[in-house]
Amino acid sequence: MMPEKTEHKGASGKQVEAMFDSISGSYDRLNRILSMGTDRRWRSRAVSIIGQNIRPETMLDVATGTGDLAIEALKLGPRKVTGIDISTKMLEEGRRKITRLGLEEKIELLRGDSQAIGFSEGTFDVAMSAFGVRNYEDTVTGLREMLRVLRPGGMIMVLEFSRPSGFPLKQIYGLYFRKLLPRIGRRVSGDPGAYTYLPDSVMSFPDNERFLELMLHAGFTGVKQTRLTGGIASIYYGFRP
């Protein structure tokens, strides 16, 4: 049965690019502070789920940011991980990190758009994204692009914030995202708008069953969700037929 609403529109690409350019220097530090290190564990779990389903040689990380997911994915032993992002300054931060770790032969970061991924059909074994899909200008278009660049049988993995439904975590989560997170983000990053945008983007994102429906609408099969930390984040995955 098809979902009633089969699209989700985010901010424009130019808006997202400018915002992430402005916070690129503090992005990694803010992630650690705001999640108390939990984002690292979430990425590790996401990569382990990929490894339970497929042995990838080539992997694409969409909206790679500073490359944390691409780096984590090397645990699966791929020949190469390619990361793309529209923010030039985030990519610069990521390249410095990769050079510092001596991983230039394994990871390549390129400027690229989730709405028009610049690779041929069937290029990758895995297409993945961590905390990036909610920033897609058009969610279904981005998902279809990830499908297109996968080989038949290839796997998609999306790690994204989601909203818990149980008491009292739902109430605590709402208070944190609406009140505390913007204040901390503004203080550390110096950007008055970026961490107001973040809770807004999380609250408007079609999470849980709605996102699984969007994946099906985009053409993926075998879609599943794994909830993390009481539903604060979720791993969604599926396959190209």
Foldseek 3Di string as FASTA:
>chain_A
DADPDQKDFADDQVVVQVLCLLQLVCVVVLVCVLVVNVLLVLLLVLLVVLLVQDQWQEEEEEQCQLPPSVVSNCVSVHQAYEYEHQHPNSPVNNVVVCVVVVNVRHYHYYYAALLAGPDAFQQTQEYEYEACLLNHRMNLSSLLNRLRNHHAFGKYKYKHFAAADDPPRNVVVVCCLQPVQLVVCCVRSVDNPNSNSVSVSRVRDLDDPRVQSNNVVSQWPPWDWDADDRNRMIMIMTGHD
